[in-house]
Amino acid sequence: MSSSNVEKLLFAGGKDKALRAKYNKIETKEEFIEAAKADGYDFTIPELDAVLKEEALDFESSGNPRTRQIWLR
């Protein structure tokens, strides 16, 4: 578990539209973490929150289709 796995996922989502779409549909942080673990990104909610805070990003999603402004490039 580590913050580096959070960053790896956020960069991967920034590059991969399909991955980004998959995670944008997820409702809760708990479900987000479960999906990330299934995809090989092992981290906790506090680690996710720490990276989001450090990058000044918000987990909330909006729009149709849903999107999050968390993806790094």
PDB file of N, CA and C in Angstrom:
ATOM      1  N   MET A   1       0.842  -1.170   0.000  1.00  0.00           N
ATOM      2  CA  MET A   1       0.000   0.000   0.000  1.00  0.00           C
ATOM      3  C   MET A   1       0.888   1.235   0.000  1.00  0.00           C
ATOM      4  N   SER A   2       0.551   2.170  -0.861  1.00  0.00           N
ATOM      5  CA  SER A   2       1.362   3.387  -0.846  1.00  0.00           C
ATOM      6  C   SER A   2       0.734   4.490  -1.675  1.00  0.00           C
ATOM      7  N   SER A   3       1.166   5.686  -1.372  1.00  0.00           N
ATOM      8  CA  SER A   3       0.715   6.841  -2.149  1.00  0.00           C
ATOM      9  C   SER A   3       1.207   6.766  -3.585  1.00  0.00           C
ATOM     10  N   SER A   4       2.331   6.092  -3.796  1.00  0.00           N
ATOM     11  CA  SER A   4       2.834   5.987  -5.170  1.00  0.00           C
ATOM     12  C   SER A   4       1.873   5.187  -6.046  1.00  0.00           C
ATOM     13  N   ASN A   5       1.158   4.215  -5.460  1.00  0.00           N
ATOM     14  CA  ASN A   5       0.158   3.480  -6.234  1.00  0.00           C
ATOM     15  C   ASN A   5      -1.029   4.368  -6.594  1.00  0.00           C
ATOM     16  N   VAL A   6      -1.371   5.284  -5.712  1.00  0.00           N
ATOM     17  CA  VAL A   6      -2.436   6.251  -6.032  1.00  0.00           C
ATOM     18  C   VAL A   6      -2.000   7.060  -7.253  1.00  0.00           C
ATOM     19  N   GLU A   7      -0.785   7.592  -7.199  1.00  0.00           N
ATOM     20  CA  GLU A   7      -0.281   8.405  -8.305  1.00  0.00           C
ATOM     21  C   GLU A   7      -0.204   7.599  -9.598  1.00  0.00           C
ATOM     22  N   LYS A   8       0.222   6.341  -9.522  1.00  0.00           N
ATOM     23  CA  LYS A   8       0.283   5.494 -10.720  1.00  0.00           C
ATOM     24  C   LYS A   8      -1.097   5.366 -11.355  1.00  0.00           C
ATOM     25  N   LEU A   9      -2.124   5.147 -10.527  1.00  0.00           N
ATOM     26  CA  LEU A   9      -3.487   5.024 -11.050  1.00  0.00           C
ATOM     27  C   LEU A   9      -3.961   6.347 -11.648  1.00  0.00           C
ATOM     28  N   LEU A  10      -3.701   7.449 -10.975  1.00  0.00           N
ATOM     29  CA  LEU A  10      -4.165   8.750 -11.476  1.00  0.00           C
ATOM     30  C   LEU A  10      -3.463   9.130 -12.773  1.00  0.00           C
ATOM     31  N   PHE A  11      -2.199   8.780 -12.920  1.00  0.00           N
ATOM     32  CA  PHE A  11      -1.504   9.014 -14.189  1.00  0.00           C
ATOM     33  C   PHE A  11      -2.012   8.070 -15.278  1.00  0.00           C
ATOM     34  N   ALA A  12      -2.264   6.803 -14.905  1.00  0.00           N
ATOM     35  CA  ALA A  12      -2.784   5.838 -15.883  1.00  0.00           C
ATOM     36  C   ALA A  12      -4.146   6.301 -16.406  1.00  0.00           C
ATOM     37  N   GLY A  13      -4.992   6.788 -15.505  1.00  0.00           N
ATOM     38  CA  GLY A  13      -6.295   7.306 -15.914  1.00  0.00           C
ATOM     39  C   GLY A  13      -6.183   8.560 -16.757  1.00  0.00           C
ATOM     40  N   GLY A  14      -5.141   9.346 -16.523  1.00  0.00           N
ATOM     41  CA  GLY A  14      -4.921  10.531 -17.335  1.00  0.00           C
ATOM     42  C   GLY A  14      -4.558  10.198 -18.771  1.00  0.00           C
ATOM     43  N   LYS A  15      -3.980   9.012 -18.977  1.00  0.00           N
ATOM     44  CA  LYS A  15      -3.548   8.591 -20.310  1.00  0.00           C
ATOM     45  C   LYS A  15      -4.559   7.683 -21.006  1.00  0.00           C
ATOM     46  N   ASP A  16      -5.346   6.943 -20.227  1.00  0.00           N
ATOM     47  CA  ASP A  16      -6.211   5.895 -20.768  1.00  0.00           C
ATOM     48  C   ASP A  16      -7.687   6.245 -20.577  1.00  0.00           C
ATOM     49  N   LYS A  17      -8.350   6.595 -21.661  1.00  0.00           N
ATOM     50  CA  LYS A  17      -9.745   7.034 -21.608  1.00  0.00           C
ATOM     51  C   LYS A  17     -10.671   5.947 -21.050  1.00  0.00           C
ATOM     52  N   ALA A  18     -10.449   4.694 -21.419  1.00  0.00           N
ATOM     53  CA  ALA A  18     -11.301   3.595 -20.945  1.00  0.00           C
ATOM     54  C   ALA A  18     -11.141   3.394 -19.438  1.00  0.00           C
ATOM     55  N   LEU A  19      -9.909   3.451 -18.954  1.00  0.00           N
ATOM     56  CA  LEU A  19      -9.663   3.313 -17.516  1.00  0.00           C
ATOM     57  C   LEU A  19     -10.322   4.465 -16.763  1.00  0.00           C
ATOM     58  N   ARG A  20     -10.146   5.656 -17.272  1.00  0.00           N
ATOM     59  CA  ARG A  20     -10.742   6.853 -16.662  1.00  0.00           C
ATOM     60  C   ARG A  20     -12.263   6.721 -16.609  1.00  0.00           C
ATOM     61  N   ALA A  21     -12.880   6.265 -17.677  1.00  0.00           N
ATOM     62  CA  ALA A  21     -14.341   6.104 -17.722  1.00  0.00           C
ATOM     63  C   ALA A  21     -14.806   5.079 -16.699  1.00  0.00           C
ATOM     64  N   LYS A  22     -14.059   3.984 -16.568  1.00  0.00           N
ATOM     65  CA  LYS A  22     -14.408   2.942 -15.597  1.00  0.00           C
ATOM     66  C   LYS A  22     -14.450   3.517 -14.185  1.00  0.00           C
ATOM     67  N   TYR A  23     -13.425   4.258 -13.813  1.00  0.00           N
ATOM     68  CA  TYR A  23     -13.340   4.797 -12.456  1.00  0.00           C
ATOM     69  C   TYR A  23     -14.257   6.004 -12.240  1.00  0.00           C
ATOM     70  N   ASN A  24     -14.566   6.731 -13.284  1.00  0.00           N
ATOM     71  CA  ASN A  24     -15.479   7.871 -13.147  1.00  0.00           C
ATOM     72  C   ASN A  24     -16.890   7.417 -12.790  1.00  0.00           C
ATOM     73  N   LYS A  25     -17.264   6.182 -13.157  1.00  0.00           N
ATOM     74  CA  LYS A  25     -18.606   5.655 -12.874  1.00  0.00           C
ATOM     75  C   LYS A  25     -18.770   5.217 -11.423  1.00  0.00           C
ATOM     76  N   ILE A  26     -17.675   5.008 -10.731  1.00  0.00           N
ATOM     77  CA  ILE A  26     -17.716   4.490  -9.362  1.00  0.00           C
ATOM     78  C   ILE A  26     -18.227   5.570  -8.417  1.00  0.00           C
ATOM     79  N   GLU A  27     -19.150   5.158  -7.532  1.00  0.00           N
ATOM     80  CA  GLU A  27     -19.819   6.107  -6.634  1.00  0.00           C
ATOM     81  C   GLU A  27     -18.986   6.510  -5.405  1.00  0.00           C
ATOM     82  N   THR A  28     -18.431   5.520  -4.703  1.00  0.00           N
ATOM     83  CA  THR A  28     -17.802   5.808  -3.410  1.00  0.00           C
ATOM     84  C   THR A  28     -16.294   5.560  -3.446  1.00  0.00           C
ATOM     85  N   LYS A  29     -15.623   6.132  -2.462  1.00  0.00           N
ATOM     86  CA  LYS A  29     -14.178   5.893  -2.339  1.00  0.00           C
ATOM     87  C   LYS A  29     -13.905   4.428  -2.020  1.00  0.00           C
ATOM     88  N   GLU A  30     -14.780   3.804  -1.236  1.00  0.00           N
ATOM     89  CA  GLU A  30     -14.592   2.396  -0.900  1.00  0.00           C
ATOM     90  C   GLU A  30     -14.630   1.537  -2.164  1.00  0.00           C
ATOM     91  N   GLU A  31     -15.593   1.786  -3.039  1.00  0.00           N
ATOM     92  CA  GLU A  31     -15.690   1.044  -4.296  1.00  0.00           C
ATOM     93  C   GLU A  31     -14.504   1.368  -5.211  1.00  0.00           C
ATOM     94  N   PHE A  32     -14.056   2.614  -5.198  1.00  0.00           N
ATOM     95  CA  PHE A  32     -12.897   3.049  -5.974  1.00  0.00           C
ATOM     96  C   PHE A  32     -11.659   2.262  -5.547  1.00  0.00           C
ATOM     97  N   ILE A  33     -11.464   2.134  -4.229  1.00  0.00           N
ATOM     98  CA  ILE A  33     -10.317   1.401  -3.680  1.00  0.00           C
ATOM     99  C   ILE A  33     -10.398  -0.072  -4.060  1.00  0.00           C
ATOM    100  N   GLU A  34     -11.600  -0.667  -3.963  1.00  0.00           N
ATOM    101  CA  GLU A  34     -11.779  -2.079  -4.331  1.00  0.00           C
ATOM    102  C   GLU A  34     -11.426  -2.311  -5.802  1.00  0.00           C
ATOM    103  N   ALA A  35     -11.904  -1.440  -6.685  1.00  0.00           N
ATOM    104  CA  ALA A  35     -11.614  -1.566  -8.114  1.00  0.00           C
ATOM    105  C   ALA A  35     -10.120  -1.396  -8.367  1.00  0.00           C
ATOM    106  N   ALA A  36      -9.517  -0.450  -7.668  1.00  0.00           N
ATOM    107  CA  ALA A  36      -8.078  -0.217  -7.833  1.00  0.00           C
ATOM    108  C   ALA A  36      -7.284  -1.454  -7.416  1.00  0.00           C
ATOM    109  N   LYS A  37      -7.656  -2.052  -6.294  1.00  0.00           N
ATOM    110  CA  LYS A  37      -6.957  -3.258  -5.838  1.00  0.00           C
ATOM    111  C   LYS A  37      -7.098  -4.379  -6.855  1.00  0.00           C
ATOM    112  N   ALA A  38      -8.288  -4.532  -7.427  1.00  0.00           N
ATOM    113  CA  ALA A  38      -8.511  -5.569  -8.439  1.00  0.00           C
ATOM    114  C   ALA A  38      -7.642  -5.325  -9.676  1.00  0.00           C
ATOM    115  N   ASP A  39      -7.312  -4.059  -9.934  1.00  0.00           N
ATOM    116  CA  ASP A  39      -6.476  -3.699 -11.082  1.00  0.00           C
ATOM    117  C   ASP A  39      -4.986  -3.620 -10.729  1.00  0.00           C
ATOM    118  N   GLY A  40      -4.640  -3.990  -9.484  1.00  0.00           N
ATOM    119  CA  GLY A  40      -3.234  -4.039  -9.090  1.00  0.00           C
ATOM    120  C   GLY A  40      -2.690  -2.784  -8.431  1.00  0.00           C
ATOM    121  N   TYR A  41      -3.561  -1.849  -8.077  1.00  0.00           N
ATOM    122  CA  TYR A  41      -3.141  -0.614  -7.399  1.00  0.00           C
ATOM    123  C   TYR A  41      -3.580  -0.720  -5.943  1.00  0.00           C
ATOM    124  N   ASP A  42      -2.668  -1.030  -5.055  1.00  0.00           N
ATOM    125  CA  ASP A  42      -3.004  -1.275  -3.656  1.00  0.00           C
ATOM    126  C   ASP A  42      -2.735  -0.026  -2.826  1.00  0.00           C
ATOM    127  N   PHE A  43      -3.819   0.600  -2.345  1.00  0.00           N
ATOM    128  CA  PHE A  43      -3.697   1.767  -1.477  1.00  0.00           C
ATOM    129  C   PHE A  43      -4.960   1.904  -0.636  1.00  0.00           C
ATOM    130  N   THR A  44      -4.911   2.779   0.338  1.00  0.00           N
ATOM    131  CA  THR A  44      -6.018   2.975   1.267  1.00  0.00           C
ATOM    132  C   THR A  44      -6.708   4.312   0.992  1.00  0.00           C
ATOM    133  N   ILE A  45      -7.854   4.489   1.613  1.00  0.00           N
ATOM    134  CA  ILE A  45      -8.563   5.770   1.484  1.00  0.00           C
ATOM    135  C   ILE A  45      -7.714   6.921   2.029  1.00  0.00           C
ATOM    136  N   PRO A  46      -7.080   6.784   3.213  1.00  0.00           N
ATOM    137  CA  PRO A  46      -6.226   7.889   3.680  1.00  0.00           C
ATOM    138  C   PRO A  46      -5.101   8.227   2.696  1.00  0.00           C
ATOM    139  N   GLU A  47      -4.538   7.216   2.042  1.00  0.00           N
ATOM    140  CA  GLU A  47      -3.489   7.483   1.048  1.00  0.00           C
ATOM    141  C   GLU A  47      -4.062   8.193  -0.174  1.00  0.00           C
ATOM    142  N   LEU A  48      -5.247   7.780  -0.612  1.00  0.00           N
ATOM    143  CA  LEU A  48      -5.927   8.472  -1.714  1.00  0.00           C
ATOM    144  C   LEU A  48      -6.200   9.919  -1.327  1.00  0.00           C
ATOM    145  N   ASP A  49      -6.755  10.113  -0.131  1.00  0.00           N
ATOM    146  CA  ASP A  49      -7.068  11.471   0.336  1.00  0.00           C
ATOM    147  C   ASP A  49      -5.822  12.346   0.421  1.00  0.00           C
ATOM    148  N   ALA A  50      -4.710  11.774   0.866  1.00  0.00           N
ATOM    149  CA  ALA A  50      -3.467  12.549   0.999  1.00  0.00           C
ATOM    150  C   ALA A  50      -2.975  13.024  -0.371  1.00  0.00           C
ATOM    151  N   VAL A  51      -3.018  12.146  -1.371  1.00  0.00           N
ATOM    152  CA  VAL A  51      -2.573  12.537  -2.712  1.00  0.00           C
ATOM    153  C   VAL A  51      -3.522  13.579  -3.302  1.00  0.00           C
ATOM    154  N   LEU A  52      -4.821  13.382  -3.129  1.00  0.00           N
ATOM    155  CA  LEU A  52      -5.784  14.360  -3.650  1.00  0.00           C
ATOM    156  C   LEU A  52      -5.572  15.722  -3.005  1.00  0.00           C
ATOM    157  N   LYS A  53      -5.328  15.726  -1.691  1.00  0.00           N
ATOM    158  CA  LYS A  53      -5.092  16.994  -0.992  1.00  0.00           C
ATOM    159  C   LYS A  53      -3.796  17.651  -1.486  1.00  0.00           C
ATOM    160  N   GLU A  54      -2.752  16.859  -1.626  1.00  0.00           N
ATOM    161  CA  GLU A  54      -1.460  17.379  -2.081  1.00  0.00           C
ATOM    162  C   GLU A  54      -1.566  17.993  -3.472  1.00  0.00           C
ATOM    163  N   GLU A  55      -2.373  17.376  -4.337  1.00  0.00           N
ATOM    164  CA  GLU A  55      -2.544  17.851  -5.712  1.00  0.00           C
ATOM    165  C   GLU A  55      -3.700  18.847  -5.854  1.00  0.00           C
ATOM    166  N   ALA A  56      -4.367  19.170  -4.739  1.00  0.00           N
ATOM    167  CA  ALA A  56      -5.523  20.077  -4.729  1.00  0.00           C
ATOM    168  C   ALA A  56      -6.628  19.586  -5.667  1.00  0.00           C
ATOM    169  N   LEU A  57      -6.948  18.289  -5.555  1.00  0.00           N
ATOM    170  CA  LEU A  57      -7.971  17.664  -6.388  1.00  0.00           C
ATOM    171  C   LEU A  57      -9.148  17.230  -5.532  1.00  0.00           C
ATOM    172  N   ASP A  58     -10.323  17.142  -6.137  1.00  0.00           N
ATOM    173  CA  ASP A  58     -11.550  16.782  -5.440  1.00  0.00           C
ATOM    174  C   ASP A  58     -12.089  15.478  -6.017  1.00  0.00           C
ATOM    175  N   PHE A  59     -12.462  14.536  -5.167  1.00  0.00           N
ATOM    176  CA  PHE A  59     -12.948  13.221  -5.595  1.00  0.00           C
ATOM    177  C   PHE A  59     -14.340  13.284  -6.229  1.00  0.00           C
ATOM    178  N   GLU A  60     -15.120  14.288  -5.915  1.00  0.00           N
ATOM    179  CA  GLU A  60     -16.493  14.378  -6.405  1.00  0.00           C
ATOM    180  C   GLU A  60     -16.546  14.326  -7.927  1.00  0.00           C
ATOM    181  N   SER A  61     -17.629  13.755  -8.434  1.00  0.00           N
ATOM    182  CA  SER A  61     -17.816  13.681  -9.883  1.00  0.00           C
ATOM    183  C   SER A  61     -19.027  14.496 -10.289  1.00  0.00           C
ATOM    184  N   SER A  62     -19.071  14.864 -11.569  1.00  0.00           N
ATOM    185  CA  SER A  62     -20.191  15.662 -12.068  1.00  0.00           C
ATOM    186  C   SER A  62     -20.327  15.441 -13.564  1.00  0.00           C
ATOM    187  N   GLY A  63     -21.425  15.930 -14.107  1.00  0.00           N
ATOM    188  CA  GLY A  63     -21.628  15.889 -15.546  1.00  0.00           C
ATOM    189  C   GLY A  63     -22.304  14.626 -16.031  1.00  0.00           C
ATOM    190  N   ASN A  64     -22.572  14.626 -17.318  1.00  0.00           N
ATOM    191  CA  ASN A  64     -23.178  13.479 -17.977  1.00  0.00           C
ATOM    192  C   ASN A  64     -22.487  13.292 -19.317  1.00  0.00           C
ATOM    193  N   PRO A  65     -21.640  12.310 -19.490  1.00  0.00           N
ATOM    194  CA  PRO A  65     -21.324  11.266 -18.514  1.00  0.00           C
ATOM    195  C   PRO A  65     -20.507  11.793 -17.347  1.00  0.00           C
ATOM    196  N   ARG A  66     -20.570  11.050 -16.266  1.00  0.00           N
ATOM    197  CA  ARG A  66     -19.870  11.456 -15.042  1.00  0.00           C
ATOM    198  C   ARG A  66     -18.375  11.530 -15.280  1.00  0.00           C
ATOM    199  N   THR A  67     -17.763  12.500 -14.634  1.00  0.00           N
ATOM    200  CA  THR A  67     -16.308  12.636 -14.718  1.00  0.00           C
ATOM    201  C   THR A  67     -15.775  13.181 -13.411  1.00  0.00           C
ATOM    202  N   ARG A  68     -14.522  12.857 -13.155  1.00  0.00           N
ATOM    203  CA  ARG A  68     -13.817  13.378 -11.981  1.00  0.00           C
ATOM    204  C   ARG A  68     -12.615  14.173 -12.481  1.00  0.00           C
ATOM    205  N   GLN A  69     -12.276  15.181 -11.755  1.00  0.00           N
ATOM    206  CA  GLN A  69     -11.124  16.005 -12.106  1.00  0.00           C
ATOM    207  C   GLN A  69      -9.909  15.597 -11.284  1.00  0.00           C
ATOM    208  N   ILE A  70      -9.662  14.292 -11.214  1.00  0.00           N
ATOM    209  CA  ILE A  70      -8.555  13.780 -10.399  1.00  0.00           C
ATOM    210  C   ILE A  70      -7.405  13.232 -11.225  1.00  0.00           C
ATOM    211  N   TRP A  71      -7.591  13.132 -12.520  1.00  0.00           N
ATOM    212  CA  TRP A  71      -6.615  12.446 -13.370  1.00  0.00           C
ATOM    213  C   TRP A  71      -5.414  13.324 -13.667  1.00  0.00           C
ATOM    214  N   LEU A  72      -4.233  12.766 -13.471  1.00  0.00           N
ATOM    215  CA  LEU A  72      -2.982  13.492 -13.671  1.00  0.00           C
ATOM    216  C   LEU A  72      -2.418  13.196 -15.060  1.00  0.00           C
ATOM    217  N   ARG A  73      -1.731  14.168 -15.627  1.00  0.00           N
ATOM    218  CA  ARG A  73      -1.131  13.993 -16.954  1.00  0.00           C
ATOM    219  C   ARG A  73       0.328  14.358 -16.911  1.00  0.00           C
TER     220      ARG A  73
END
